[in-house]
Amino acid sequence: QVQLVESGGGMVQAGGSLRLSCTASGRTLSGYVMAWFRQAPGKEREFVAIISWSSGITHSADSVKGRFTISRDNAKNTVFLQMNTLKAEDTAVYYCAARSGTFSSRRVDFAYWGQGTQVTVSS
C-alpha cells in the first residue's frame, strides 16, 4: 500500500506560480512512477505530468509544457509540481497518483491516489 498526501494548493492570480507537493508513505517507491492529474468542475480528470521514481525521467501534457515542471526528492519521498505562468483554465483539483511499472497517462492505470488539493487561478 502507498499513502499519498498532497499540499500546496491555493488561490493565485493569472501569471502567478504555485508549487504542489505530494508525500508518499507505506513502502519503497523503487519501480514506481508518480503522476499529477487534475479535475476541473464538470470535466473529466486529466493527466498533467509524470516522473519515474528511479530514473527521474519525466513527461508532461502538451497543455502544461513549458509552464509546469514535475520533480522528486527521493530522500523526502516527495514529488513536486512547480506551476508557473498559471492561467484561469488551470483551475482544478490536483491529484497525486502512483503506480508500479511504466509511464501511463490513463487514470485507470493508477492504483494509489491522494485526496487532492484545490488550485484556483483568478483572471
C-alpha atoms as a PDB file:
ATOM      1  CA  GLN A   1       0.000   0.000   0.000  1.00  0.00           C
ATOM      2  CA  VAL A   2       1.063   3.545  -0.773  1.00  0.00           C
ATOM      3  CA  GLN A   3      -0.418   6.537   1.000  1.00  0.00           C
ATOM      4  CA  LEU A   4      -0.217   9.917  -0.737  1.00  0.00           C
ATOM      5  CA  VAL A   5      -0.782  13.336   0.804  1.00  0.00           C
ATOM      6  CA  GLU A   6      -0.844  16.489  -1.324  1.00  0.00           C
ATOM      7  CA  SER A   7      -0.285  20.040  -0.160  1.00  0.00           C
ATOM      8  CA  GLY A   8       0.454  23.474  -1.590  1.00  0.00           C
ATOM      9  CA  GLY A   9      -2.766  24.368  -3.333  1.00  0.00           C
ATOM     10  CA  GLY A  10      -4.382  27.770  -3.026  1.00  0.00           C
ATOM     11  CA  MET A  11      -5.564  30.820  -4.870  1.00  0.00           C
ATOM     12  CA  VAL A  12      -3.325  32.832  -7.161  1.00  0.00           C
ATOM     13  CA  GLN A  13      -3.728  35.465  -9.853  1.00  0.00           C
ATOM     14  CA  ALA A  14      -3.181  34.632 -13.507  1.00  0.00           C
ATOM     15  CA  GLY A  15       0.513  34.719 -14.344  1.00  0.00           C
ATOM     16  CA  GLY A  16       1.491  33.655 -10.844  1.00  0.00           C
ATOM     17  CA  SER A  17       3.118  30.482  -9.523  1.00  0.00           C
ATOM     18  CA  LEU A  18       2.387  27.689  -7.072  1.00  0.00           C
ATOM     19  CA  ARG A  19       4.268  24.568  -6.025  1.00  0.00           C
ATOM     20  CA  LEU A  20       2.374  21.431  -5.110  1.00  0.00           C
ATOM     21  CA  SER A  21       3.887  18.675  -3.001  1.00  0.00           C
ATOM     22  CA  CYS A  22       2.936  15.017  -2.668  1.00  0.00           C
ATOM     23  CA  THR A  23       4.498  12.974   0.113  1.00  0.00           C
ATOM     24  CA  ALA A  24       4.349   9.200  -0.133  1.00  0.00           C
ATOM     25  CA  SER A  25       4.483   6.638   2.662  1.00  0.00           C
ATOM     26  CA  GLY A  26       3.849   2.966   3.171  1.00  0.00           C
ATOM     27  CA  ARG A  27       6.524   1.362   1.026  1.00  0.00           C
ATOM     28  CA  THR A  28       9.598   1.978  -1.044  1.00  0.00           C
ATOM     29  CA  LEU A  29       8.862   3.686  -4.351  1.00  0.00           C
ATOM     30  CA  SER A  30      11.554   1.954  -6.361  1.00  0.00           C
ATOM     31  CA  GLY A  31       9.958   0.787  -9.590  1.00  0.00           C
ATOM     32  CA  TYR A  32       7.058   3.197  -9.255  1.00  0.00           C
ATOM     33  CA  VAL A  33       6.011   6.159 -11.346  1.00  0.00           C
ATOM     34  CA  MET A  34       4.350   9.181  -9.798  1.00  0.00           C
ATOM     35  CA  ALA A  35       1.943  11.457 -11.616  1.00  0.00           C
ATOM     36  CA  TRP A  36      -0.195  14.534 -11.261  1.00  0.00           C
ATOM     37  CA  PHE A  37      -3.726  14.674 -12.618  1.00  0.00           C
ATOM     38  CA  ARG A  38      -6.286  17.450 -12.363  1.00  0.00           C
ATOM     39  CA  GLN A  39     -10.038  17.715 -12.489  1.00  0.00           C
ATOM     40  CA  ALA A  40     -11.900  20.924 -13.248  1.00  0.00           C
ATOM     41  CA  PRO A  41     -15.605  21.302 -12.367  1.00  0.00           C
ATOM     42  CA  GLY A  42     -17.764  19.374 -14.789  1.00  0.00           C
ATOM     43  CA  LYS A  43     -14.790  17.834 -16.593  1.00  0.00           C
ATOM     44  CA  GLU A  44     -13.006  14.514 -16.652  1.00  0.00           C
ATOM     45  CA  ARG A  45      -9.845  14.015 -14.615  1.00  0.00           C
ATOM     46  CA  GLU A  46      -6.913  14.639 -16.938  1.00  0.00           C
ATOM     47  CA  PHE A  47      -3.223  13.796 -16.963  1.00  0.00           C
ATOM     48  CA  VAL A  48      -0.771  16.599 -16.195  1.00  0.00           C
ATOM     49  CA  ALA A  49       2.719  15.155 -15.675  1.00  0.00           C
ATOM     50  CA  ILE A  50       4.574  12.001 -14.663  1.00  0.00           C
ATOM     51  CA  ILE A  51       8.007  11.080 -13.301  1.00  0.00           C
ATOM     52  CA  SER A  52       9.897   7.841 -12.850  1.00  0.00           C
ATOM     53  CA  TRP A  53      10.877   7.480  -9.213  1.00  0.00           C
ATOM     54  CA  SER A  54      14.080   5.617 -10.073  1.00  0.00           C
ATOM     55  CA  SER A  55      15.394   7.443 -13.170  1.00  0.00           C
ATOM     56  CA  GLY A  56      13.799  10.878 -12.820  1.00  0.00           C
ATOM     57  CA  ILE A  57      12.632  10.798 -16.434  1.00  0.00           C
ATOM     58  CA  THR A  58       9.568  12.987 -16.903  1.00  0.00           C
ATOM     59  CA  HIS A  59       6.741  13.589 -19.344  1.00  0.00           C
ATOM     60  CA  SER A  60       4.127  16.331 -19.379  1.00  0.00           C
ATOM     61  CA  ALA A  61       0.861  17.042 -21.132  1.00  0.00           C
ATOM     62  CA  ASP A  62       1.102  19.476 -24.039  1.00  0.00           C
ATOM     63  CA  SER A  63      -1.202  21.902 -22.233  1.00  0.00           C
ATOM     64  CA  VAL A  64       1.363  22.481 -19.463  1.00  0.00           C
ATOM     65  CA  LYS A  65       4.697  22.017 -21.244  1.00  0.00           C
ATOM     66  CA  GLY A  66       6.997  24.955 -20.662  1.00  0.00           C
ATOM     67  CA  ARG A  67       4.941  26.100 -17.665  1.00  0.00           C
ATOM     68  CA  PHE A  68       4.771  23.130 -15.241  1.00  0.00           C
ATOM     69  CA  THR A  69       7.698  21.043 -14.020  1.00  0.00           C
ATOM     70  CA  ILE A  70       7.475  17.757 -12.143  1.00  0.00           C
ATOM     71  CA  SER A  71      10.368  16.716  -9.911  1.00  0.00           C
ATOM     72  CA  ARG A  72      11.095  14.479  -6.932  1.00  0.00           C
ATOM     73  CA  ASP A  73      13.123  14.379  -3.751  1.00  0.00           C
ATOM     74  CA  ASN A  74      13.955  10.749  -3.083  1.00  0.00           C
ATOM     75  CA  ALA A  75      15.208  11.406   0.434  1.00  0.00           C
ATOM     76  CA  LYS A  76      11.893  13.004   1.409  1.00  0.00           C
ATOM     77  CA  ASN A  77       9.688  10.609  -0.596  1.00  0.00           C
ATOM     78  CA  THR A  78       8.107  13.673  -2.135  1.00  0.00           C
ATOM     79  CA  VAL A  79       7.061  14.654  -5.645  1.00  0.00           C
ATOM     80  CA  PHE A  80       6.606  18.288  -6.629  1.00  0.00           C
ATOM     81  CA  LEU A  81       4.692  20.113  -9.324  1.00  0.00           C
ATOM     82  CA  GLN A  82       6.047  23.585  -9.948  1.00  0.00           C
ATOM     83  CA  MET A  83       3.398  25.584 -11.783  1.00  0.00           C
ATOM     84  CA  ASN A  84       4.388  28.852 -13.420  1.00  0.00           C
ATOM     85  CA  THR A  85       2.542  31.315 -15.634  1.00  0.00           C
ATOM     86  CA  LEU A  86      -0.754  29.997 -14.326  1.00  0.00           C
ATOM     87  CA  LYS A  87      -3.916  30.553 -16.346  1.00  0.00           C
ATOM     88  CA  ALA A  88      -7.570  30.593 -15.351  1.00  0.00           C
ATOM     89  CA  GLU A  89      -8.020  27.288 -17.189  1.00  0.00           C
ATOM     90  CA  ASP A  90      -5.531  25.657 -14.795  1.00  0.00           C
ATOM     91  CA  THR A  91      -8.141  25.959 -12.044  1.00  0.00           C
ATOM     92  CA  ALA A  92      -8.870  22.441 -10.806  1.00  0.00           C
ATOM     93  CA  VAL A  93      -8.409  19.967  -8.010  1.00  0.00           C
ATOM     94  CA  TYR A  94      -4.941  18.483  -8.443  1.00  0.00           C
ATOM     95  CA  TYR A  95      -4.344  14.848  -7.521  1.00  0.00           C
ATOM     96  CA  CYS A  96      -1.151  12.923  -6.959  1.00  0.00           C
ATOM     97  CA  ALA A  97      -1.147   9.300  -8.110  1.00  0.00           C
ATOM     98  CA  ALA A  98       1.218   6.329  -8.086  1.00  0.00           C
ATOM     99  CA  ARG A  99       1.547   3.064  -9.954  1.00  0.00           C
ATOM    100  CA  SER A 100       4.092   0.306 -10.197  1.00  0.00           C
ATOM    101  CA  GLY A 101       5.606  -0.016 -13.642  1.00  0.00           C
ATOM    102  CA  THR A 102       5.821   2.116 -16.752  1.00  0.00           C
ATOM    103  CA  PHE A 103       4.514   5.529 -17.739  1.00  0.00           C
ATOM    104  CA  SER A 104       0.816   5.912 -18.327  1.00  0.00           C
ATOM    105  CA  SER A 105      -1.478   8.889 -18.784  1.00  0.00           C
ATOM    106  CA  ARG A 106      -4.620   6.860 -18.102  1.00  0.00           C
ATOM    107  CA  ARG A 107      -6.375   7.439 -14.810  1.00  0.00           C
ATOM    108  CA  VAL A 108      -7.494   3.793 -14.601  1.00  0.00           C
ATOM    109  CA  ASP A 109      -3.889   2.578 -14.564  1.00  0.00           C
ATOM    110  CA  PHE A 110      -3.125   4.211 -11.216  1.00  0.00           C
ATOM    111  CA  ALA A 111      -3.856   2.260  -8.043  1.00  0.00           C
ATOM    112  CA  TYR A 112      -2.989   4.889  -5.449  1.00  0.00           C
ATOM    113  CA  TRP A 113      -4.370   8.413  -5.131  1.00  0.00           C
ATOM    114  CA  GLY A 114      -4.110  11.344  -2.801  1.00  0.00           C
ATOM    115  CA  GLN A 115      -7.095  13.311  -1.558  1.00  0.00           C
ATOM    116  CA  GLY A 116      -6.496  16.243  -3.901  1.00  0.00           C
ATOM    117  CA  THR A 117      -5.636  19.898  -3.415  1.00  0.00           C
ATOM    118  CA  GLN A 118      -7.550  22.836  -4.882  1.00  0.00           C
ATOM    119  CA  VAL A 119      -5.811  25.302  -7.194  1.00  0.00           C
ATOM    120  CA  THR A 120      -7.767  28.402  -8.156  1.00  0.00           C
ATOM    121  CA  VAL A 121      -6.407  30.913 -10.669  1.00  0.00           C
ATOM    122  CA  SER A 122      -8.205  34.222 -10.906  1.00  0.00           C
ATOM    123  CA  SER A 123      -8.098  36.210 -14.122  1.00  0.00           C
END
